[in-house]
Amino acid sequence: MIKYISPIVLLIVSNVFMTFAWYGHLRHKNSALWVVVLVSWLIAFFEYCFQVPANRMGHEVYNVVQLKTIQEVITLIIFSLFSVLYLKEQFRWNYLIGFVFIILAVFFIFKK
């Protein structure tokens, strides 16, 4: 059971780092672009430290399409929380509808 859950936990941690690397600088628009690029790259290093092992371990129990699907769902959840809690943006009903369609895609990808 742990071999199924460990990659997911690592992907969650990886996505938190990734989201901050990609979008965290949007709260610091007065910072020089070269500074936010450098900081983003430093944060991305830690993202890779979790993402690469997650995919390596995950590929033992999931196929690559399933791994990518898991990662995308995690990304949507983390990004939604990040945009509302950190960037203080509004979560709209049409975003939810779009996510429901993505969840339907997950159903079909994991269907035996």
PDB file of N, CA and C in Angstrom:
ATOM      1  N   MET A   1       0.822  -1.200   0.000  1.00  0.00           N
ATOM      2  CA  MET A   1       0.000   0.000   0.000  1.00  0.00           C
ATOM      3  C   MET A   1       0.867   1.264   0.000  1.00  0.00           C
ATOM      4  N   ILE A   2       1.980   1.224   0.750  1.00  0.00           N
ATOM      5  CA  ILE A   2       2.848   2.401   0.837  1.00  0.00           C
ATOM      6  C   ILE A   2       3.444   2.751  -0.519  1.00  0.00           C
ATOM      7  N   LYS A   3       3.690   1.727  -1.366  1.00  0.00           N
ATOM      8  CA  LYS A   3       4.281   2.016  -2.668  1.00  0.00           C
ATOM      9  C   LYS A   3       3.302   2.730  -3.598  1.00  0.00           C
ATOM     10  N   TYR A   4       2.006   2.677  -3.294  1.00  0.00           N
ATOM     11  CA  TYR A   4       1.006   3.418  -4.060  1.00  0.00           C
ATOM     12  C   TYR A   4       0.836   4.848  -3.536  1.00  0.00           C
ATOM     13  N   ILE A   5       1.029   5.029  -2.248  1.00  0.00           N
ATOM     14  CA  ILE A   5       0.779   6.329  -1.619  1.00  0.00           C
ATOM     15  C   ILE A   5       2.024   7.217  -1.627  1.00  0.00           C
ATOM     16  N   SER A   6       3.195   6.634  -1.459  1.00  0.00           N
ATOM     17  CA  SER A   6       4.433   7.430  -1.398  1.00  0.00           C
ATOM     18  C   SER A   6       4.615   8.340  -2.610  1.00  0.00           C
ATOM     19  N   PRO A   7       4.421   7.843  -3.834  1.00  0.00           N
ATOM     20  CA  PRO A   7       4.585   8.751  -4.976  1.00  0.00           C
ATOM     21  C   PRO A   7       3.595   9.908  -4.951  1.00  0.00           C
ATOM     22  N   ILE A   8       2.398   9.657  -4.477  1.00  0.00           N
ATOM     23  CA  ILE A   8       1.380  10.708  -4.415  1.00  0.00           C
ATOM     24  C   ILE A   8       1.777  11.772  -3.405  1.00  0.00           C
ATOM     25  N   VAL A   9       2.270  11.351  -2.253  1.00  0.00           N
ATOM     26  CA  VAL A   9       2.715  12.302  -1.226  1.00  0.00           C
ATOM     27  C   VAL A   9       3.888  13.127  -1.756  1.00  0.00           C
ATOM     28  N   LEU A  10       4.832  12.471  -2.413  1.00  0.00           N
ATOM     29  CA  LEU A  10       5.968  13.196  -2.984  1.00  0.00           C
ATOM     30  C   LEU A  10       5.523  14.168  -4.074  1.00  0.00           C
ATOM     31  N   LEU A  11       4.541  13.772  -4.873  1.00  0.00           N
ATOM     32  CA  LEU A  11       4.021  14.679  -5.896  1.00  0.00           C
ATOM     33  C   LEU A  11       3.307  15.880  -5.290  1.00  0.00           C
ATOM     34  N   ILE A  12       2.654  15.687  -4.172  1.00  0.00           N
ATOM     35  CA  ILE A  12       2.000  16.810  -3.482  1.00  0.00           C
ATOM     36  C   ILE A  12       3.056  17.814  -3.026  1.00  0.00           C
ATOM     37  N   VAL A  13       4.097  17.323  -2.367  1.00  0.00           N
ATOM     38  CA  VAL A  13       5.170  18.216  -1.906  1.00  0.00           C
ATOM     39  C   VAL A  13       5.823  18.904  -3.105  1.00  0.00           C
ATOM     40  N   SER A  14       6.102  18.133  -4.134  1.00  0.00           N
ATOM     41  CA  SER A  14       6.699  18.686  -5.346  1.00  0.00           C
ATOM     42  C   SER A  14       5.842  19.807  -5.932  1.00  0.00           C
ATOM     43  N   ASN A  15       4.541  19.596  -5.959  1.00  0.00           N
ATOM     44  CA  ASN A  15       3.649  20.594  -6.544  1.00  0.00           C
ATOM     45  C   ASN A  15       3.550  21.866  -5.716  1.00  0.00           C
ATOM     46  N   VAL A  16       3.700  21.751  -4.421  1.00  0.00           N
ATOM     47  CA  VAL A  16       3.719  22.960  -3.590  1.00  0.00           C
ATOM     48  C   VAL A  16       4.929  23.804  -3.984  1.00  0.00           C
ATOM     49  N   PHE A  17       6.094  23.173  -4.077  1.00  0.00           N
ATOM     50  CA  PHE A  17       7.289  23.903  -4.505  1.00  0.00           C
ATOM     51  C   PHE A  17       7.117  24.465  -5.919  1.00  0.00           C
ATOM     52  N   MET A  18       6.589  23.647  -6.827  1.00  0.00           N
ATOM     53  CA  MET A  18       6.418  24.080  -8.208  1.00  0.00           C
ATOM     54  C   MET A  18       5.501  25.297  -8.301  1.00  0.00           C
ATOM     55  N   THR A  19       4.414  25.265  -7.566  1.00  0.00           N
ATOM     56  CA  THR A  19       3.458  26.370  -7.625  1.00  0.00           C
ATOM     57  C   THR A  19       4.093  27.663  -7.122  1.00  0.00           C
ATOM     58  N   PHE A  20       4.848  27.583  -6.037  1.00  0.00           N
ATOM     59  CA  PHE A  20       5.541  28.774  -5.556  1.00  0.00           C
ATOM     60  C   PHE A  20       6.616  29.224  -6.540  1.00  0.00           C
ATOM     61  N   ALA A  21       7.314  28.280  -7.169  1.00  0.00           N
ATOM     62  CA  ALA A  21       8.349  28.655  -8.149  1.00  0.00           C
ATOM     63  C   ALA A  21       7.726  29.356  -9.350  1.00  0.00           C
ATOM     64  N   TRP A  22       6.595  28.865  -9.806  1.00  0.00           N
ATOM     65  CA  TRP A  22       5.985  29.419 -11.015  1.00  0.00           C
ATOM     66  C   TRP A  22       5.175  30.671 -10.758  1.00  0.00           C
ATOM     67  N   TYR A  23       4.479  30.736  -9.620  1.00  0.00           N
ATOM     68  CA  TYR A  23       3.510  31.810  -9.414  1.00  0.00           C
ATOM     69  C   TYR A  23       3.733  32.651  -8.155  1.00  0.00           C
ATOM     70  N   GLY A  24       4.604  32.241  -7.267  1.00  0.00           N
ATOM     71  CA  GLY A  24       4.808  32.971  -6.015  1.00  0.00           C
ATOM     72  C   GLY A  24       5.296  34.389  -6.226  1.00  0.00           C
ATOM     73  N   HIS A  25       6.036  34.616  -7.288  1.00  0.00           N
ATOM     74  CA  HIS A  25       6.586  35.952  -7.562  1.00  0.00           C
ATOM     75  C   HIS A  25       5.500  36.961  -7.936  1.00  0.00           C
ATOM     76  N   LEU A  26       4.294  36.498  -8.241  1.00  0.00           N
ATOM     77  CA  LEU A  26       3.233  37.426  -8.620  1.00  0.00           C
ATOM     78  C   LEU A  26       2.819  38.341  -7.471  1.00  0.00           C
ATOM     79  N   ARG A  27       3.144  37.957  -6.240  1.00  0.00           N
ATOM     80  CA  ARG A  27       2.910  38.844  -5.093  1.00  0.00           C
ATOM     81  C   ARG A  27       4.050  39.826  -4.890  1.00  0.00           C
ATOM     82  N   HIS A  28       5.085  39.703  -5.672  1.00  0.00           N
ATOM     83  CA  HIS A  28       6.279  40.546  -5.514  1.00  0.00           C
ATOM     84  C   HIS A  28       6.610  41.207  -6.848  1.00  0.00           C
ATOM     85  N   LYS A  29       5.652  41.911  -7.404  1.00  0.00           N
ATOM     86  CA  LYS A  29       5.819  42.509  -8.736  1.00  0.00           C
ATOM     87  C   LYS A  29       6.827  43.644  -8.761  1.00  0.00           C
ATOM     88  N   ASN A  30       7.207  44.176  -7.610  1.00  0.00           N
ATOM     89  CA  ASN A  30       8.203  45.249  -7.566  1.00  0.00           C
ATOM     90  C   ASN A  30       9.631  44.720  -7.574  1.00  0.00           C
ATOM     91  N   SER A  31       9.782  43.414  -7.385  1.00  0.00           N
ATOM     92  CA  SER A  31      11.124  42.822  -7.417  1.00  0.00           C
ATOM     93  C   SER A  31      11.625  42.761  -8.856  1.00  0.00           C
ATOM     94  N   ALA A  32      12.913  42.882  -9.007  1.00  0.00           N
ATOM     95  CA  ALA A  32      13.512  42.809 -10.339  1.00  0.00           C
ATOM     96  C   ALA A  32      13.276  41.429 -10.945  1.00  0.00           C
ATOM     97  N   LEU A  33      13.069  41.408 -12.230  1.00  0.00           N
ATOM     98  CA  LEU A  33      12.771  40.151 -12.908  1.00  0.00           C
ATOM     99  C   LEU A  33      13.887  39.124 -12.730  1.00  0.00           C
ATOM    100  N   TRP A  34      15.148  39.554 -12.798  1.00  0.00           N
ATOM    101  CA  TRP A  34      16.248  38.613 -12.649  1.00  0.00           C
ATOM    102  C   TRP A  34      16.259  37.979 -11.259  1.00  0.00           C
ATOM    103  N   VAL A  35      15.805  38.743 -10.250  1.00  0.00           N
ATOM    104  CA  VAL A  35      15.755  38.220  -8.883  1.00  0.00           C
ATOM    105  C   VAL A  35      14.687  37.142  -8.782  1.00  0.00           C
ATOM    106  N   VAL A  36      13.498  37.414  -9.320  1.00  0.00           N
ATOM    107  CA  VAL A  36      12.421  36.415  -9.204  1.00  0.00           C
ATOM    108  C   VAL A  36      12.724  35.181 -10.054  1.00  0.00           C
ATOM    109  N   VAL A  37      13.424  35.361 -11.169  1.00  0.00           N
ATOM    110  CA  VAL A  37      13.825  34.197 -11.965  1.00  0.00           C
ATOM    111  C   VAL A  37      14.807  33.338 -11.167  1.00  0.00           C
ATOM    112  N   LEU A  38      15.784  33.966 -10.556  1.00  0.00           N
ATOM    113  CA  LEU A  38      16.769  33.233  -9.758  1.00  0.00           C
ATOM    114  C   LEU A  38      16.107  32.521  -8.581  1.00  0.00           C
ATOM    115  N   VAL A  39      15.255  33.226  -7.861  1.00  0.00           N
ATOM    116  CA  VAL A  39      14.562  32.616  -6.724  1.00  0.00           C
ATOM    117  C   VAL A  39      13.670  31.470  -7.201  1.00  0.00           C
ATOM    118  N   SER A  40      12.994  31.665  -8.317  1.00  0.00           N
ATOM    119  CA  SER A  40      12.141  30.603  -8.862  1.00  0.00           C
ATOM    120  C   SER A  40      12.960  29.360  -9.210  1.00  0.00           C
ATOM    121  N   TRP A  41      14.137  29.557  -9.791  1.00  0.00           N
ATOM    122  CA  TRP A  41      14.997  28.422 -10.111  1.00  0.00           C
ATOM    123  C   TRP A  41      15.465  27.697  -8.846  1.00  0.00           C
ATOM    124  N   LEU A  42      15.764  28.462  -7.814  1.00  0.00           N
ATOM    125  CA  LEU A  42      16.177  27.835  -6.549  1.00  0.00           C
ATOM    126  C   LEU A  42      15.043  27.010  -5.944  1.00  0.00           C
ATOM    127  N   ILE A  43      13.834  27.544  -5.997  1.00  0.00           N
ATOM    128  CA  ILE A  43      12.674  26.808  -5.488  1.00  0.00           C
ATOM    129  C   ILE A  43      12.432  25.563  -6.356  1.00  0.00           C
ATOM    130  N   ALA A  44      12.581  25.714  -7.665  1.00  0.00           N
ATOM    131  CA  ALA A  44      12.354  24.597  -8.589  1.00  0.00           C
ATOM    132  C   ALA A  44      13.322  23.445  -8.339  1.00  0.00           C
ATOM    133  N   PHE A  45      14.517  23.752  -7.854  1.00  0.00           N
ATOM    134  CA  PHE A  45      15.460  22.685  -7.517  1.00  0.00           C
ATOM    135  C   PHE A  45      14.840  21.729  -6.505  1.00  0.00           C
ATOM    136  N   PHE A  46      14.194  22.296  -5.480  1.00  0.00           N
ATOM    137  CA  PHE A  46      13.573  21.452  -4.454  1.00  0.00           C
ATOM    138  C   PHE A  46      12.365  20.713  -5.015  1.00  0.00           C
ATOM    139  N   GLU A  47      11.682  21.347  -5.946  1.00  0.00           N
ATOM    140  CA  GLU A  47      10.558  20.669  -6.610  1.00  0.00           C
ATOM    141  C   GLU A  47      11.055  19.404  -7.297  1.00  0.00           C
ATOM    142  N   TYR A  48      12.152  19.497  -8.001  1.00  0.00           N
ATOM    143  CA  TYR A  48      12.700  18.341  -8.697  1.00  0.00           C
ATOM    144  C   TYR A  48      13.192  17.271  -7.723  1.00  0.00           C
ATOM    145  N   CYS A  49      13.672  17.685  -6.563  1.00  0.00           N
ATOM    146  CA  CYS A  49      14.134  16.720  -5.561  1.00  0.00           C
ATOM    147  C   CYS A  49      13.006  15.814  -5.077  1.00  0.00           C
ATOM    148  N   PHE A  50      11.769  16.250  -5.204  1.00  0.00           N
ATOM    149  CA  PHE A  50      10.614  15.426  -4.836  1.00  0.00           C
ATOM    150  C   PHE A  50       9.944  14.805  -6.066  1.00  0.00           C
ATOM    151  N   GLN A  51       9.922  15.534  -7.161  1.00  0.00           N
ATOM    152  CA  GLN A  51       9.225  15.077  -8.361  1.00  0.00           C
ATOM    153  C   GLN A  51       9.921  13.881  -9.015  1.00  0.00           C
ATOM    154  N   VAL A  52      11.213  13.924  -9.138  1.00  0.00           N
ATOM    155  CA  VAL A  52      11.937  12.837  -9.801  1.00  0.00           C
ATOM    156  C   VAL A  52      11.782  11.517  -9.027  1.00  0.00           C
ATOM    157  N   PRO A  53      12.007  11.500  -7.703  1.00  0.00           N
ATOM    158  CA  PRO A  53      11.770  10.244  -6.975  1.00  0.00           C
ATOM    159  C   PRO A  53      10.301   9.796  -7.023  1.00  0.00           C
ATOM    160  N   ALA A  54       9.388  10.758  -7.010  1.00  0.00           N
ATOM    161  CA  ALA A  54       7.961  10.403  -7.083  1.00  0.00           C
ATOM    162  C   ALA A  54       7.666   9.651  -8.371  1.00  0.00           C
ATOM    163  N   ASN A  55       8.182  10.149  -9.480  1.00  0.00           N
ATOM    164  CA  ASN A  55       7.937   9.484 -10.755  1.00  0.00           C
ATOM    165  C   ASN A  55       8.692   8.164 -10.870  1.00  0.00           C
ATOM    166  N   ARG A  56       9.897   8.121 -10.332  1.00  0.00           N
ATOM    167  CA  ARG A  56      10.682   6.878 -10.377  1.00  0.00           C
ATOM    168  C   ARG A  56       9.974   5.783  -9.582  1.00  0.00           C
ATOM    169  N   MET A  57       9.564   6.114  -8.346  1.00  0.00           N
ATOM    170  CA  MET A  57       8.867   5.125  -7.511  1.00  0.00           C
ATOM    171  C   MET A  57       7.459   4.848  -8.043  1.00  0.00           C
ATOM    172  N   GLY A  58       6.799   5.897  -8.499  1.00  0.00           N
ATOM    173  CA  GLY A  58       5.436   5.744  -8.984  1.00  0.00           C
ATOM    174  C   GLY A  58       5.331   4.877 -10.216  1.00  0.00           C
ATOM    175  N   HIS A  59       6.355   4.910 -11.056  1.00  0.00           N
ATOM    176  CA  HIS A  59       6.320   4.119 -12.290  1.00  0.00           C
ATOM    177  C   HIS A  59       6.387   2.620 -12.016  1.00  0.00           C
ATOM    178  N   GLU A  60       6.726   2.238 -10.783  1.00  0.00           N
ATOM    179  CA  GLU A  60       6.709   0.824 -10.405  1.00  0.00           C
ATOM    180  C   GLU A  60       5.280   0.308 -10.235  1.00  0.00           C
ATOM    181  N   VAL A  61       4.337   1.217  -9.932  1.00  0.00           N
ATOM    182  CA  VAL A  61       2.954   0.777  -9.683  1.00  0.00           C
ATOM    183  C   VAL A  61       1.925   1.437 -10.589  1.00  0.00           C
ATOM    184  N   TYR A  62       2.291   2.536 -11.242  1.00  0.00           N
ATOM    185  CA  TYR A  62       1.397   3.238 -12.166  1.00  0.00           C
ATOM    186  C   TYR A  62       2.063   3.314 -13.528  1.00  0.00           C
ATOM    187  N   ASN A  63       1.262   3.365 -14.592  1.00  0.00           N
ATOM    188  CA  ASN A  63       1.878   3.625 -15.892  1.00  0.00           C
ATOM    189  C   ASN A  63       2.079   5.137 -16.020  1.00  0.00           C
ATOM    190  N   VAL A  64       2.804   5.554 -17.037  1.00  0.00           N
ATOM    191  CA  VAL A  64       3.195   6.961 -17.146  1.00  0.00           C
ATOM    192  C   VAL A  64       1.981   7.880 -17.348  1.00  0.00           C
ATOM    193  N   VAL A  65       0.960   7.416 -18.042  1.00  0.00           N
ATOM    194  CA  VAL A  65      -0.242   8.233 -18.230  1.00  0.00           C
ATOM    195  C   VAL A  65      -0.972   8.400 -16.901  1.00  0.00           C
ATOM    196  N   GLN A  66      -1.039   7.347 -16.108  1.00  0.00           N
ATOM    197  CA  GLN A  66      -1.660   7.457 -14.789  1.00  0.00           C
ATOM    198  C   GLN A  66      -0.870   8.407 -13.892  1.00  0.00           C
ATOM    199  N   LEU A  67       0.459   8.315 -13.926  1.00  0.00           N
ATOM    200  CA  LEU A  67       1.293   9.224 -13.126  1.00  0.00           C
ATOM    201  C   LEU A  67       1.058  10.675 -13.510  1.00  0.00           C
ATOM    202  N   LYS A  68       1.023  10.942 -14.805  1.00  0.00           N
ATOM    203  CA  LYS A  68       0.808  12.316 -15.269  1.00  0.00           C
ATOM    204  C   LYS A  68      -0.577  12.798 -14.871  1.00  0.00           C
ATOM    205  N   THR A  69      -1.559  11.932 -14.922  1.00  0.00           N
ATOM    206  CA  THR A  69      -2.925  12.299 -14.529  1.00  0.00           C
ATOM    207  C   THR A  69      -2.984  12.617 -13.045  1.00  0.00           C
ATOM    208  N   ILE A  70      -2.351  11.800 -12.230  1.00  0.00           N
ATOM    209  CA  ILE A  70      -2.293  12.066 -10.784  1.00  0.00           C
ATOM    210  C   ILE A  70      -1.642  13.422 -10.547  1.00  0.00           C
ATOM    211  N   GLN A  71      -0.534  13.670 -11.233  1.00  0.00           N
ATOM    212  CA  GLN A  71       0.185  14.933 -11.063  1.00  0.00           C
ATOM    213  C   GLN A  71      -0.685  16.122 -11.455  1.00  0.00           C
ATOM    214  N   GLU A  72      -1.436  15.992 -12.531  1.00  0.00           N
ATOM    215  CA  GLU A  72      -2.288  17.106 -12.980  1.00  0.00           C
ATOM    216  C   GLU A  72      -3.414  17.396 -12.000  1.00  0.00           C
ATOM    217  N   VAL A  73      -4.010  16.358 -11.448  1.00  0.00           N
ATOM    218  CA  VAL A  73      -5.075  16.566 -10.457  1.00  0.00           C
ATOM    219  C   VAL A  73      -4.502  17.237  -9.212  1.00  0.00           C
ATOM    220  N   ILE A  74      -3.340  16.758  -8.761  1.00  0.00           N
ATOM    221  CA  ILE A  74      -2.691  17.384  -7.607  1.00  0.00           C
ATOM    222  C   ILE A  74      -2.376  18.846  -7.919  1.00  0.00           C
ATOM    223  N   THR A  75      -1.870  19.107  -9.109  1.00  0.00           N
ATOM    224  CA  THR A  75      -1.543  20.482  -9.508  1.00  0.00           C
ATOM    225  C   THR A  75      -2.773  21.375  -9.447  1.00  0.00           C
ATOM    226  N   LEU A  76      -3.898  20.892  -9.955  1.00  0.00           N
ATOM    227  CA  LEU A  76      -5.123  21.700  -9.924  1.00  0.00           C
ATOM    228  C   LEU A  76      -5.570  22.011  -8.499  1.00  0.00           C
ATOM    229  N   ILE A  77      -5.480  21.027  -7.634  1.00  0.00           N
ATOM    230  CA  ILE A  77      -5.896  21.232  -6.240  1.00  0.00           C
ATOM    231  C   ILE A  77      -4.956  22.221  -5.553  1.00  0.00           C
ATOM    232  N   ILE A  78      -3.646  21.976  -5.669  1.00  0.00           N
ATOM    233  CA  ILE A  78      -2.659  22.855  -5.029  1.00  0.00           C
ATOM    234  C   ILE A  78      -2.767  24.267  -5.592  1.00  0.00           C
ATOM    235  N   PHE A  79      -2.872  24.370  -6.927  1.00  0.00           N
ATOM    236  CA  PHE A  79      -2.955  25.681  -7.553  1.00  0.00           C
ATOM    237  C   PHE A  79      -4.220  26.427  -7.123  1.00  0.00           C
ATOM    238  N   SER A  80      -5.333  25.727  -7.036  1.00  0.00           N
ATOM    239  CA  SER A  80      -6.585  26.364  -6.603  1.00  0.00           C
ATOM    240  C   SER A  80      -6.452  26.917  -5.191  1.00  0.00           C
ATOM    241  N   LEU A  81      -5.907  26.110  -4.290  1.00  0.00           N
ATOM    242  CA  LEU A  81      -5.697  26.574  -2.912  1.00  0.00           C
ATOM    243  C   LEU A  81      -4.723  27.752  -2.886  1.00  0.00           C
ATOM    244  N   PHE A  82      -3.647  27.647  -3.640  1.00  0.00           N
ATOM    245  CA  PHE A  82      -2.636  28.698  -3.706  1.00  0.00           C
ATOM    246  C   PHE A  82      -3.226  30.013  -4.212  1.00  0.00           C
ATOM    247  N   SER A  83      -3.997  29.931  -5.289  1.00  0.00           N
ATOM    248  CA  SER A  83      -4.531  31.165  -5.873  1.00  0.00           C
ATOM    249  C   SER A  83      -5.529  31.847  -4.948  1.00  0.00           C
ATOM    250  N   VAL A  84      -6.281  31.055  -4.198  1.00  0.00           N
ATOM    251  CA  VAL A  84      -7.254  31.639  -3.266  1.00  0.00           C
ATOM    252  C   VAL A  84      -6.575  32.111  -1.984  1.00  0.00           C
ATOM    253  N   LEU A  85      -5.729  31.274  -1.392  1.00  0.00           N
ATOM    254  CA  LEU A  85      -5.151  31.586  -0.082  1.00  0.00           C
ATOM    255  C   LEU A  85      -3.934  32.515  -0.162  1.00  0.00           C
ATOM    256  N   TYR A  86      -3.083  32.333  -1.158  1.00  0.00           N
ATOM    257  CA  TYR A  86      -1.854  33.123  -1.229  1.00  0.00           C
ATOM    258  C   TYR A  86      -2.008  34.361  -2.113  1.00  0.00           C
ATOM    259  N   LEU A  87      -2.602  34.174  -3.288  1.00  0.00           N
ATOM    260  CA  LEU A  87      -2.754  35.305  -4.208  1.00  0.00           C
ATOM    261  C   LEU A  87      -4.063  36.063  -3.992  1.00  0.00           C
ATOM    262  N   LYS A  88      -4.929  35.526  -3.140  1.00  0.00           N
ATOM    263  CA  LYS A  88      -6.207  36.174  -2.791  1.00  0.00           C
ATOM    264  C   LYS A  88      -7.105  36.383  -4.026  1.00  0.00           C
ATOM    265  N   GLU A  89      -7.074  35.414  -4.929  1.00  0.00           N
ATOM    266  CA  GLU A  89      -7.945  35.488  -6.099  1.00  0.00           C
ATOM    267  C   GLU A  89      -9.224  34.701  -5.828  1.00  0.00           C
ATOM    268  N   GLN A  90     -10.252  35.054  -6.542  1.00  0.00           N
ATOM    269  CA  GLN A  90     -11.555  34.427  -6.347  1.00  0.00           C
ATOM    270  C   GLN A  90     -11.619  33.106  -7.115  1.00  0.00           C
ATOM    271  N   PHE A  91     -12.202  32.093  -6.476  1.00  0.00           N
ATOM    272  CA  PHE A  91     -12.455  30.820  -7.152  1.00  0.00           C
ATOM    273  C   PHE A  91     -13.871  30.892  -7.718  1.00  0.00           C
ATOM    274  N   ARG A  92     -14.012  30.698  -9.001  1.00  0.00           N
ATOM    275  CA  ARG A  92     -15.292  30.895  -9.673  1.00  0.00           C
ATOM    276  C   ARG A  92     -15.955  29.568 -10.001  1.00  0.00           C
ATOM    277  N   TRP A  93     -17.245  29.612 -10.210  1.00  0.00           N
ATOM    278  CA  TRP A  93     -18.024  28.411 -10.483  1.00  0.00           C
ATOM    279  C   TRP A  93     -17.570  27.731 -11.775  1.00  0.00           C
ATOM    280  N   ASN A  94     -17.193  28.488 -12.790  1.00  0.00           N
ATOM    281  CA  ASN A  94     -16.780  27.871 -14.050  1.00  0.00           C
ATOM    282  C   ASN A  94     -15.463  27.108 -13.906  1.00  0.00           C
ATOM    283  N   TYR A  95     -14.617  27.511 -12.946  1.00  0.00           N
ATOM    284  CA  TYR A  95     -13.404  26.749 -12.679  1.00  0.00           C
ATOM    285  C   TYR A  95     -13.790  25.365 -12.147  1.00  0.00           C
ATOM    286  N   LEU A  96     -14.753  25.355 -11.247  1.00  0.00           N
ATOM    287  CA  LEU A  96     -15.216  24.096 -10.663  1.00  0.00           C
ATOM    288  C   LEU A  96     -15.776  23.167 -11.735  1.00  0.00           C
ATOM    289  N   ILE A  97     -16.574  23.707 -12.640  1.00  0.00           N
ATOM    290  CA  ILE A  97     -17.133  22.898 -13.723  1.00  0.00           C
ATOM    291  C   ILE A  97     -16.013  22.322 -14.581  1.00  0.00           C
ATOM    292  N   GLY A  98     -15.023  23.125 -14.904  1.00  0.00           N
ATOM    293  CA  GLY A  98     -13.878  22.640 -15.673  1.00  0.00           C
ATOM    294  C   GLY A  98     -13.148  21.525 -14.952  1.00  0.00           C
ATOM    295  N   PHE A  99     -12.967  21.669 -13.640  1.00  0.00           N
ATOM    296  CA  PHE A  99     -12.298  20.637 -12.855  1.00  0.00           C
ATOM    297  C   PHE A  99     -13.114  19.348 -12.828  1.00  0.00           C
ATOM    298  N   VAL A 100     -14.436  19.460 -12.812  1.00  0.00           N
ATOM    299  CA  VAL A 100     -15.292  18.270 -12.850  1.00  0.00           C
ATOM    300  C   VAL A 100     -15.037  17.486 -14.142  1.00  0.00           C
ATOM    301  N   PHE A 101     -14.896  18.182 -15.246  1.00  0.00           N
ATOM    302  CA  PHE A 101     -14.595  17.500 -16.506  1.00  0.00           C
ATOM    303  C   PHE A 101     -13.229  16.825 -16.468  1.00  0.00           C
ATOM    304  N   ILE A 102     -12.291  17.444 -15.799  1.00  0.00           N
ATOM    305  CA  ILE A 102     -10.967  16.830 -15.669  1.00  0.00           C
ATOM    306  C   ILE A 102     -11.060  15.569 -14.810  1.00  0.00           C
ATOM    307  N   ILE A 103     -11.863  15.617 -13.759  1.00  0.00           N
ATOM    308  CA  ILE A 103     -12.061  14.433 -12.914  1.00  0.00           C
ATOM    309  C   ILE A 103     -12.704  13.308 -13.732  1.00  0.00           C
ATOM    310  N   LEU A 104     -13.604  13.649 -14.633  1.00  0.00           N
ATOM    311  CA  LEU A 104     -14.179  12.638 -15.526  1.00  0.00           C
ATOM    312  C   LEU A 104     -13.082  12.006 -16.389  1.00  0.00           C
ATOM    313  N   ALA A 105     -12.147  12.822 -16.842  1.00  0.00           N
ATOM    314  CA  ALA A 105     -11.023  12.288 -17.613  1.00  0.00           C
ATOM    315  C   ALA A 105     -10.214  11.310 -16.764  1.00  0.00           C
ATOM    316  N   VAL A 106     -10.013  11.647 -15.500  1.00  0.00           N
ATOM    317  CA  VAL A 106      -9.286  10.751 -14.586  1.00  0.00           C
ATOM    318  C   VAL A 106     -10.005   9.413 -14.499  1.00  0.00           C
ATOM    319  N   PHE A 107     -11.318   9.449 -14.381  1.00  0.00           N
ATOM    320  CA  PHE A 107     -12.111   8.211 -14.310  1.00  0.00           C
ATOM    321  C   PHE A 107     -11.806   7.322 -15.513  1.00  0.00           C
ATOM    322  N   PHE A 108     -11.815   7.893 -16.704  1.00  0.00           N
ATOM    323  CA  PHE A 108     -11.599   7.094 -17.906  1.00  0.00           C
ATOM    324  C   PHE A 108     -10.148   6.608 -18.038  1.00  0.00           C
ATOM    325  N   ILE A 109      -9.202   7.411 -17.588  1.00  0.00           N
ATOM    326  CA  ILE A 109      -7.796   7.011 -17.668  1.00  0.00           C
ATOM    327  C   ILE A 109      -7.504   5.841 -16.745  1.00  0.00           C
ATOM    328  N   PHE A 110      -8.138   5.803 -15.565  1.00  0.00           N
ATOM    329  CA  PHE A 110      -7.880   4.728 -14.609  1.00  0.00           C
ATOM    330  C   PHE A 110      -8.835   3.548 -14.766  1.00  0.00           C
ATOM    331  N   LYS A 111      -9.810   3.658 -15.646  1.00  0.00           N
ATOM    332  CA  LYS A 111     -10.770   2.566 -15.867  1.00  0.00           C
ATOM    333  C   LYS A 111     -10.040   1.382 -16.489  1.00  0.00           C
ATOM    334  N   LYS A 112     -10.276   0.231 -15.933  1.00  0.00           N
ATOM    335  CA  LYS A 112      -9.642  -0.994 -16.426  1.00  0.00           C
ATOM    336  C   LYS A 112     -10.271  -1.453 -17.725  1.00  0.00           C
TER     337      LYS A 112
END
